[in-house]
PDB file of all heavy atoms in Angstrom:
ATOM      1  N   GLU A   1     103.466  85.998  97.366  1.00  0.00           N
ATOM      2  CA  GLU A   1     102.514  85.553  98.426  1.00  0.00           C
ATOM      3  C   GLU A   1     101.540  86.529  98.853  1.00  0.00           C
ATOM      4  O   GLU A   1     100.287  86.214  98.931  1.00  0.00           O
ATOM      5  CB  GLU A   1     103.327  85.005  99.597  1.00  0.00           C
ATOM      6  CG  GLU A   1     102.565  84.476 100.753  1.00  0.00           C
ATOM      7  CD  GLU A   1     103.353  83.955 101.892  1.00  0.00           C
ATOM      8  OE1 GLU A   1     104.540  84.102 101.930  1.00  0.00           O
ATOM      9  OE2 GLU A   1     102.656  83.329 102.866  1.00  0.00           O
ATOM     10  N   SER A   2     101.964  87.831  99.182  1.00  0.00           N
ATOM     11  CA  SER A   2     100.995  88.743  99.678  1.00  0.00           C
ATOM     12  C   SER A   2     100.012  89.170  98.534  1.00  0.00           C
ATOM     13  O   SER A   2      98.793  89.363  98.818  1.00  0.00           O
ATOM     14  CB  SER A   2     101.710  90.011 100.239  1.00  0.00           C
ATOM     15  OG  SER A   2     102.402  90.716  99.194  1.00  0.00           O
ATOM     16  N   GLY A   3     100.496  89.317  97.302  1.00  0.00           N
ATOM     17  CA  GLY A   3      99.598  89.551  96.206  1.00  0.00           C
ATOM     18  C   GLY A   3      98.546  88.451  95.971  1.00  0.00           C
ATOM     19  O   GLY A   3      97.405  88.761  95.670  1.00  0.00           O
ATOM     20  N   SER A   4      99.032  87.173  96.108  1.00  0.00           N
ATOM     21  CA  SER A   4      98.055  86.108  95.971  1.00  0.00           C
ATOM     22  C   SER A   4      97.032  86.111  97.056  1.00  0.00           C
ATOM     23  O   SER A   4      95.890  85.739  96.798  1.00  0.00           O
ATOM     24  CB  SER A   4      98.906  84.789  96.050  1.00  0.00           C
ATOM     25  OG  SER A   4      99.793  84.733  94.879  1.00  0.00           O
ATOM     26  N   ARG A   5      97.397  86.520  98.272  1.00  0.00           N
ATOM     27  CA  ARG A   5      96.443  86.658  99.364  1.00  0.00           C
ATOM     28  C   ARG A   5      95.437  87.705  99.084  1.00  0.00           C
ATOM     29  O   ARG A   5      94.245  87.555  99.290  1.00  0.00           O
ATOM     30  CB  ARG A   5      97.147  86.884 100.686  1.00  0.00           C
ATOM     31  CG  ARG A   5      96.151  86.813 101.861  1.00  0.00           C
ATOM     32  CD  ARG A   5      96.993  86.860 103.210  1.00  0.00           C
ATOM     33  NE  ARG A   5      97.880  85.767 103.387  1.00  0.00           N
ATOM     34  CZ  ARG A   5      99.207  85.816 103.317  1.00  0.00           C
ATOM     35  NH1 ARG A   5      99.802  87.014 103.009  1.00  0.00           N
ATOM     36  NH2 ARG A   5      99.899  84.720 103.456  1.00  0.00           N
ATOM     37  N   ALA A   6      95.895  88.839  98.528  1.00  0.00           N
ATOM     38  CA  ALA A   6      94.921  89.857  98.132  1.00  0.00           C
ATOM     39  C   ALA A   6      93.993  89.360  97.071  1.00  0.00           C
ATOM     40  O   ALA A   6      92.770  89.734  97.029  1.00  0.00           O
ATOM     41  CB  ALA A   6      95.734  91.071  97.568  1.00  0.00           C
ATOM     42  N   ALA A   7      94.550  88.525  96.162  1.00  0.00           N
ATOM     43  CA  ALA A   7      93.696  87.946  95.061  1.00  0.00           C
ATOM     44  C   ALA A   7      92.568  87.127  95.604  1.00  0.00           C
ATOM     45  O   ALA A   7      91.369  87.309  95.218  1.00  0.00           O
ATOM     46  CB  ALA A   7      94.542  87.191  94.130  1.00  0.00           C
ATOM     47  N   ILE A   8      92.900  86.154  96.427  1.00  0.00           N
ATOM     48  CA  ILE A   8      91.865  85.243  96.942  1.00  0.00           C
ATOM     49  C   ILE A   8      90.890  85.952  97.827  1.00  0.00           C
ATOM     50  O   ILE A   8      89.694  85.563  97.897  1.00  0.00           O
ATOM     51  CB  ILE A   8      92.461  84.054  97.655  1.00  0.00           C
ATOM     52  CG1 ILE A   8      93.373  84.447  98.796  1.00  0.00           C
ATOM     53  CG2 ILE A   8      93.270  83.137  96.628  1.00  0.00           C
ATOM     54  CD1 ILE A   8      93.940  83.204  99.597  1.00  0.00           C
ATOM     55  N   ALA A   9      91.313  87.015  98.538  1.00  0.00           N
ATOM     56  CA  ALA A   9      90.418  87.844  99.342  1.00  0.00           C
ATOM     57  C   ALA A   9      89.385  88.518  98.444  1.00  0.00           C
ATOM     58  O   ALA A   9      88.271  88.809  98.943  1.00  0.00           O
ATOM     59  CB  ALA A   9      91.194  88.819 100.136  1.00  0.00           C
ATOM     60  N   GLY A  10      89.764  88.835  97.234  1.00  0.00           N
ATOM     61  CA  GLY A  10      88.810  89.392  96.235  1.00  0.00           C
ATOM     62  C   GLY A  10      88.085  88.416  95.417  1.00  0.00           C
ATOM     63  O   GLY A  10      87.310  88.867  94.522  1.00  0.00           O
ATOM     64  N   GLY A  11      88.245  87.135  95.593  1.00  0.00           N
ATOM     65  CA  GLY A  11      87.580  86.053  94.814  1.00  0.00           C
ATOM     66  C   GLY A  11      88.289  85.663  93.582  1.00  0.00           C
ATOM     67  O   GLY A  11      87.712  84.911  92.746  1.00  0.00           O
ATOM     68  N   PHE A  12      89.506  86.103  93.410  1.00  0.00           N
ATOM     69  CA  PHE A  12      90.323  85.762  92.206  1.00  0.00           C
ATOM     70  C   PHE A  12      91.100  84.477  92.496  1.00  0.00           C
ATOM     71  O   PHE A  12      91.858  84.395  93.524  1.00  0.00           O
ATOM     72  CB  PHE A  12      91.342  86.901  91.862  1.00  0.00           C
ATOM     73  CG  PHE A  12      90.590  88.099  91.280  1.00  0.00           C
ATOM     74  CD1 PHE A  12      90.294  89.152  92.103  1.00  0.00           C
ATOM     75  CD2 PHE A  12      90.409  88.189  89.906  1.00  0.00           C
ATOM     76  CE1 PHE A  12      89.615  90.222  91.544  1.00  0.00           C
ATOM     77  CE2 PHE A  12      89.780  89.270  89.373  1.00  0.00           C
ATOM     78  CZ  PHE A  12      89.406  90.314  90.215  1.00  0.00           C
ATOM     79  N   THR A  13      90.897  83.491  91.716  1.00  0.00           N
ATOM     80  CA  THR A  13      91.589  82.223  91.880  1.00  0.00           C
ATOM     81  C   THR A  13      92.765  82.029  90.878  1.00  0.00           C
ATOM     82  O   THR A  13      93.514  81.157  90.939  1.00  0.00           O
ATOM     83  CB  THR A  13      90.625  81.054  91.698  1.00  0.00           C
ATOM     84  OG1 THR A  13      90.020  81.122  90.456  1.00  0.00           O
ATOM     85  CG2 THR A  13      89.570  80.959  92.754  1.00  0.00           C
ATOM     86  N   ALA A  14      92.840  82.970  89.921  1.00  0.00           N
ATOM     87  CA  ALA A  14      94.041  82.983  88.976  1.00  0.00           C
ATOM     88  C   ALA A  14      94.371  84.440  88.686  1.00  0.00           C
ATOM     89  O   ALA A  14      93.500  85.238  88.427  1.00  0.00           O
ATOM     90  CB  ALA A  14      93.617  82.231  87.657  1.00  0.00           C
ATOM     91  N   VAL A  15      95.648  84.673  88.581  1.00  0.00           N
ATOM     92  CA  VAL A  15      96.173  86.014  88.218  1.00  0.00           C
ATOM     93  C   VAL A  15      97.279  85.844  87.117  1.00  0.00           C
ATOM     94  O   VAL A  15      97.941  84.875  87.159  1.00  0.00           O
ATOM     95  CB  VAL A  15      96.734  86.767  89.460  1.00  0.00           C
ATOM     96  CG1 VAL A  15      95.687  87.042  90.451  1.00  0.00           C
ATOM     97  CG2 VAL A  15      97.956  85.953  90.074  1.00  0.00           C
ATOM     98  N   CYS A  16      97.365  86.830  86.299  1.00  0.00           N
ATOM     99  CA  CYS A  16      98.445  86.934  85.318  1.00  0.00           C
ATOM    100  C   CYS A  16      99.314  88.115  85.626  1.00  0.00           C
ATOM    101  O   CYS A  16      98.789  89.253  85.688  1.00  0.00           O
ATOM    102  CB  CYS A  16      97.766  87.064  83.949  1.00  0.00           C
ATOM    103  SG  CYS A  16      96.687  85.665  83.479  1.00  0.00           S
ATOM    104  N   ALA A  17     100.612  87.838  85.888  1.00  0.00           N
ATOM    105  CA  ALA A  17     101.487  88.857  86.502  1.00  0.00           C
ATOM    106  C   ALA A  17     102.293  89.449  85.391  1.00  0.00           C
ATOM    107  O   ALA A  17     103.032  88.784  84.632  1.00  0.00           O
ATOM    108  CB  ALA A  17     102.276  88.213  87.557  1.00  0.00           C
ATOM    109  N   MET A  18     102.279  90.774  85.376  1.00  0.00           N
ATOM    110  CA  MET A  18     103.080  91.578  84.398  1.00  0.00           C
ATOM    111  C   MET A  18     104.586  91.369  84.686  1.00  0.00           C
ATOM    112  O   MET A  18     105.044  90.999  85.730  1.00  0.00           O
ATOM    113  CB  MET A  18     102.664  93.027  84.455  1.00  0.00           C
ATOM    114  CG  MET A  18     101.351  93.322  83.808  1.00  0.00           C
ATOM    115  SD  MET A  18     101.375  92.891  82.047  1.00  0.00           S
ATOM    116  CE  MET A  18      99.654  93.138  81.637  1.00  0.00           C
ATOM    117  N   ALA A  19     105.342  91.675  83.644  1.00  0.00           N
ATOM    118  CA  ALA A  19     106.829  91.337  83.625  1.00  0.00           C
ATOM    119  C   ALA A  19     107.695  92.444  84.081  1.00  0.00           C
ATOM    120  O   ALA A  19     108.918  92.280  84.172  1.00  0.00           O
ATOM    121  CB  ALA A  19     107.161  90.936  82.175  1.00  0.00           C
ATOM    122  N   ASN A  20     107.170  93.550  84.509  1.00  0.00           N
ATOM    123  CA  ASN A  20     108.033  94.729  84.814  1.00  0.00           C
ATOM    124  C   ASN A  20     108.487  94.618  86.300  1.00  0.00           C
ATOM    125  O   ASN A  20     108.402  95.633  87.080  1.00  0.00           O
ATOM    126  CB  ASN A  20     107.316  96.072  84.529  1.00  0.00           C
ATOM    127  CG  ASN A  20     106.105  96.320  85.309  1.00  0.00           C
ATOM    128  OD1 ASN A  20     105.437  95.403  85.800  1.00  0.00           O
ATOM    129  ND2 ASN A  20     105.707  97.516  85.550  1.00  0.00           N
ATOM    130  N   THR A  21     109.050  93.495  86.655  1.00  0.00           N
ATOM    131  CA  THR A  21     109.678  93.324  87.922  1.00  0.00           C
ATOM    132  C   THR A  21     111.181  93.834  87.770  1.00  0.00           C
ATOM    133  O   THR A  21     111.529  94.348  86.822  1.00  0.00           O
ATOM    134  CB  THR A  21     109.564  91.833  88.331  1.00  0.00           C
ATOM    135  OG1 THR A  21     110.033  91.026  87.282  1.00  0.00           O
ATOM    136  CG2 THR A  21     108.190  91.463  88.728  1.00  0.00           C
ATOM    137  N   LYS A  22     111.920  93.649  88.889  1.00  0.00           N
ATOM    138  CA  LYS A  22     113.313  94.086  88.887  1.00  0.00           C
ATOM    139  C   LYS A  22     114.176  92.897  89.335  1.00  0.00           C
ATOM    140  O   LYS A  22     114.250  92.706  90.492  1.00  0.00           O
ATOM    141  CB  LYS A  22     113.452  95.299  89.743  1.00  0.00           C
ATOM    142  CG  LYS A  22     112.811  96.564  89.228  1.00  0.00           C
ATOM    143  CD  LYS A  22     113.136  97.685  90.060  1.00  0.00           C
ATOM    144  CE  LYS A  22     112.469  98.948  89.531  1.00  0.00           C
ATOM    145  NZ  LYS A  22     112.795 100.258  90.366  1.00  0.00           N
ATOM    146  N   PRO A  23     114.857  92.194  88.432  1.00  0.00           N
ATOM    147  CA  PRO A  23     114.851  92.271  87.004  1.00  0.00           C
ATOM    148  C   PRO A  23     113.533  91.854  86.414  1.00  0.00           C
ATOM    149  O   PRO A  23     112.744  91.125  86.917  1.00  0.00           O
ATOM    150  CB  PRO A  23     116.063  91.408  86.575  1.00  0.00           C
ATOM    151  CG  PRO A  23     116.038  90.244  87.653  1.00  0.00           C
ATOM    152  CD  PRO A  23     115.709  90.994  88.915  1.00  0.00           C
ATOM    153  N   VAL A  24     113.407  92.343  85.078  1.00  0.00           N
ATOM    154  CA  VAL A  24     112.197  91.995  84.359  1.00  0.00           C
ATOM    155  C   VAL A  24     112.144  90.570  83.987  1.00  0.00           C
ATOM    156  O   VAL A  24     113.180  89.897  83.939  1.00  0.00           O
ATOM    157  CB  VAL A  24     112.085  92.922  83.076  1.00  0.00           C
ATOM    158  CG1 VAL A  24     112.067  94.361  83.463  1.00  0.00           C
ATOM    159  CG2 VAL A  24     113.162  92.607  82.063  1.00  0.00           C
ATOM    160  N   ASN A  25     110.942  90.055  83.714  1.00  0.00           N
ATOM    161  CA  ASN A  25     110.747  88.677  83.377  1.00  0.00           C
ATOM    162  C   ASN A  25     111.036  88.463  81.885  1.00  0.00           C
ATOM    163  O   ASN A  25     110.043  88.314  81.069  1.00  0.00           O
ATOM    164  CB  ASN A  25     109.405  88.177  83.775  1.00  0.00           C
ATOM    165  CG  ASN A  25     109.233  86.727  83.536  1.00  0.00           C
ATOM    166  OD1 ASN A  25     110.129  85.957  83.411  1.00  0.00           O
ATOM    167  ND2 ASN A  25     107.999  86.243  83.307  1.00  0.00           N
ATOM    168  N   ASP A  26     112.293  88.461  81.488  1.00  0.00           N
ATOM    169  CA  ASP A  26     112.640  88.214  80.069  1.00  0.00           C
ATOM    170  C   ASP A  26     113.548  86.920  79.944  1.00  0.00           C
ATOM    171  O   ASP A  26     114.214  86.658  78.991  1.00  0.00           O
ATOM    172  CB  ASP A  26     113.339  89.367  79.428  1.00  0.00           C
ATOM    173  CG  ASP A  26     114.678  89.673  80.097  1.00  0.00           C
ATOM    174  OD1 ASP A  26     114.976  89.127  81.143  1.00  0.00           O
ATOM    175  OD2 ASP A  26     115.425  90.504  79.581  1.00  0.00           O
ATOM    176  N   SER A  27     113.531  86.130  81.049  1.00  0.00           N
ATOM    177  CA  SER A  27     114.361  84.896  81.017  1.00  0.00           C
ATOM    178  C   SER A  27     113.620  83.760  81.708  1.00  0.00           C
ATOM    179  O   SER A  27     112.715  83.981  82.585  1.00  0.00           O
ATOM    180  CB  SER A  27     115.660  85.124  81.846  1.00  0.00           C
ATOM    181  OG  SER A  27     115.479  85.290  83.130  1.00  0.00           O
ATOM    182  N   VAL A  28     114.048  82.512  81.317  1.00  0.00           N
ATOM    183  CA  VAL A  28     113.480  81.318  81.920  1.00  0.00           C
ATOM    184  C   VAL A  28     113.655  81.302  83.422  1.00  0.00           C
ATOM    185  O   VAL A  28     112.789  80.909  84.259  1.00  0.00           O
ATOM    186  CB  VAL A  28     113.979  80.136  81.250  1.00  0.00           C
ATOM    187  CG1 VAL A  28     113.628  78.843  81.969  1.00  0.00           C
ATOM    188  CG2 VAL A  28     113.459  79.996  79.791  1.00  0.00           C
ATOM    189  N   ALA A  29     114.799  81.741  83.852  1.00  0.00           N
ATOM    190  CA  ALA A  29     115.197  81.742  85.286  1.00  0.00           C
ATOM    191  C   ALA A  29     114.175  82.520  86.104  1.00  0.00           C
ATOM    192  O   ALA A  29     113.695  82.073  87.152  1.00  0.00           O
ATOM    193  CB  ALA A  29     116.623  82.306  85.474  1.00  0.00           C
ATOM    194  N   ILE A  30     113.849  83.760  85.643  1.00  0.00           N
ATOM    195  CA  ILE A  30     112.863  84.544  86.352  1.00  0.00           C
ATOM    196  C   ILE A  30     111.503  83.929  86.346  1.00  0.00           C
ATOM    197  O   ILE A  30     110.782  83.871  87.350  1.00  0.00           O
ATOM    198  CB  ILE A  30     112.856  85.987  85.753  1.00  0.00           C
ATOM    199  CG1 ILE A  30     114.173  86.654  85.930  1.00  0.00           C
ATOM    200  CG2 ILE A  30     111.684  86.760  86.419  1.00  0.00           C
ATOM    201  CD1 ILE A  30     114.647  86.913  87.347  1.00  0.00           C
ATOM    202  N   THR A  31     111.049  83.427  85.181  1.00  0.00           N
ATOM    203  CA  THR A  31     109.772  82.769  85.060  1.00  0.00           C
ATOM    204  C   THR A  31     109.665  81.651  86.063  1.00  0.00           C
ATOM    205  O   THR A  31     108.673  81.460  86.717  1.00  0.00           O
ATOM    206  CB  THR A  31     109.533  82.262  83.627  1.00  0.00           C
ATOM    207  OG1 THR A  31     109.498  83.387  82.733  1.00  0.00           O
ATOM    208  CG2 THR A  31     108.201  81.491  83.487  1.00  0.00           C
ATOM    209  N   GLU A  32     110.727  80.775  86.077  1.00  0.00           N
ATOM    210  CA  GLU A  32     110.612  79.569  86.944  1.00  0.00           C
ATOM    211  C   GLU A  32     110.704  79.972  88.457  1.00  0.00           C
ATOM    212  O   GLU A  32     110.054  79.315  89.274  1.00  0.00           O
ATOM    213  CB  GLU A  32     111.803  78.676  86.607  1.00  0.00           C
ATOM    214  CG  GLU A  32     111.759  77.973  85.251  1.00  0.00           C
ATOM    215  CD  GLU A  32     112.852  77.044  84.891  1.00  0.00           C
ATOM    216  OE1 GLU A  32     113.925  77.196  85.588  1.00  0.00           O
ATOM    217  OE2 GLU A  32     112.772  76.258  84.007  1.00  0.00           O
ATOM    218  N   MET A  33     111.467  81.017  88.782  1.00  0.00           N
ATOM    219  CA  MET A  33     111.487  81.492  90.181  1.00  0.00           C
ATOM    220  C   MET A  33     110.066  81.933  90.477  1.00  0.00           C
ATOM    221  O   MET A  33     109.541  81.665  91.613  1.00  0.00           O
ATOM    222  CB  MET A  33     112.441  82.661  90.283  1.00  0.00           C
ATOM    223  CG  MET A  33     112.595  83.246  91.708  1.00  0.00           C
ATOM    224  SD  MET A  33     111.268  84.436  92.190  1.00  0.00           S
ATOM    225  CE  MET A  33     111.758  85.798  91.193  1.00  0.00           C
ATOM    226  N   MET A  34     109.378  82.791  89.669  1.00  0.00           N
ATOM    227  CA  MET A  34     108.040  83.238  89.980  1.00  0.00           C
ATOM    228  C   MET A  34     107.070  81.985  90.223  1.00  0.00           C
ATOM    229  O   MET A  34     106.309  81.991  91.195  1.00  0.00           O
ATOM    230  CB  MET A  34     107.502  84.027  88.803  1.00  0.00           C
ATOM    231  CG  MET A  34     108.151  85.452  88.608  1.00  0.00           C
ATOM    232  SD  MET A  34     107.600  86.291  87.125  1.00  0.00           S
ATOM    233  CE  MET A  34     108.131  88.004  87.489  1.00  0.00           C
ATOM    234  N   LEU A  35     107.138  81.035  89.310  1.00  0.00           N
ATOM    235  CA  LEU A  35     106.258  79.873  89.465  1.00  0.00           C
ATOM    236  C   LEU A  35     106.550  79.072  90.719  1.00  0.00           C
ATOM    237  O   LEU A  35     105.642  78.572  91.387  1.00  0.00           O
ATOM    238  CB  LEU A  35     106.366  79.001  88.220  1.00  0.00           C
ATOM    239  CG  LEU A  35     105.764  79.605  86.971  1.00  0.00           C
ATOM    240  CD1 LEU A  35     106.132  78.766  85.786  1.00  0.00           C
ATOM    241  CD2 LEU A  35     104.230  79.721  87.043  1.00  0.00           C
ATOM    242  N   THR A  36     107.826  78.995  91.082  1.00  0.00           N
ATOM    243  CA  THR A  36     108.209  78.200  92.368  1.00  0.00           C
ATOM    244  C   THR A  36     107.624  79.010  93.529  1.00  0.00           C
ATOM    245  O   THR A  36     107.114  78.351  94.449  1.00  0.00           O
ATOM    246  CB  THR A  36     109.719  78.162  92.424  1.00  0.00           C
ATOM    247  OG1 THR A  36     110.246  77.430  91.321  1.00  0.00           O
ATOM    248  CG2 THR A  36     110.137  77.450  93.728  1.00  0.00           C
ATOM    249  N   ARG A  37     107.784  80.338  93.544  1.00  0.00           N
ATOM    250  CA  ARG A  37     107.273  81.152  94.787  1.00  0.00           C
ATOM    251  C   ARG A  37     105.797  81.046  94.821  1.00  0.00           C
ATOM    252  O   ARG A  37     105.200  80.952  95.919  1.00  0.00           O
ATOM    253  CB  ARG A  37     107.723  82.564  94.548  1.00  0.00           C
ATOM    254  CG  ARG A  37     109.204  82.827  94.602  1.00  0.00           C
ATOM    255  CD  ARG A  37     109.783  82.710  95.954  1.00  0.00           C
ATOM    256  NE  ARG A  37     111.258  82.743  96.012  1.00  0.00           N
ATOM    257  CZ  ARG A  37     111.964  83.856  95.979  1.00  0.00           C
ATOM    258  NH1 ARG A  37     111.359  85.077  95.970  1.00  0.00           N
ATOM    259  NH2 ARG A  37     113.310  83.778  95.956  1.00  0.00           N
ATOM    260  N   ALA A  38     105.171  81.050  93.692  1.00  0.00           N
ATOM    261  CA  ALA A  38     103.594  80.955  93.674  1.00  0.00           C
ATOM    262  C   ALA A  38     103.198  79.569  94.187  1.00  0.00           C
ATOM    263  O   ALA A  38     102.173  79.480  94.953  1.00  0.00           O
ATOM    264  CB  ALA A  38     103.115  81.184  92.290  1.00  0.00           C
ATOM    265  N   ALA A  39     103.865  78.508  93.735  1.00  0.00           N
ATOM    266  CA  ALA A  39     103.546  77.127  94.208  1.00  0.00           C
ATOM    267  C   ALA A  39     103.740  77.008  95.732  1.00  0.00           C
ATOM    268  O   ALA A  39     103.001  76.358  96.417  1.00  0.00           O
ATOM    269  CB  ALA A  39     104.400  76.136  93.398  1.00  0.00           C
ATOM    270  N   LYS A  40     104.769  77.630  96.254  1.00  0.00           N
ATOM    271  CA  LYS A  40     105.025  77.597  97.623  1.00  0.00           C
ATOM    272  C   LYS A  40     104.008  78.223  98.458  1.00  0.00           C
ATOM    273  O   LYS A  40     103.637  77.867  99.561  1.00  0.00           O
ATOM    274  CB  LYS A  40     106.441  78.189  97.902  1.00  0.00           C
ATOM    275  CG  LYS A  40     106.895  78.064  99.407  1.00  0.00           C
ATOM    276  CD  LYS A  40     108.227  78.722  99.564  1.00  0.00           C
ATOM    277  CE  LYS A  40     108.648  78.634 101.029  1.00  0.00           C
ATOM    278  NZ  LYS A  40     110.006  79.228 101.278  1.00  0.00           N
ATOM    279  N   ALA A  41     103.448  79.358  97.898  1.00  0.00           N
ATOM    280  CA  ALA A  41     102.425  80.081  98.579  1.00  0.00           C
ATOM    281  C   ALA A  41     101.103  79.302  98.783  1.00  0.00           C
ATOM    282  O   ALA A  41     100.326  79.444  99.748  1.00  0.00           O
ATOM    283  CB  ALA A  41     102.122  81.454  97.886  1.00  0.00           C
TER     284      ALA A  41
END
């Protein structure tokens, strides 16, 4: 949410987020969680 707010403040309407989170995005569960949080924001 906060990263997305920084993005729109800079004029970015789409971002591609790297996978080196903790845990890393190497599973469908993590990918789906990310997309759910982004949709909620």
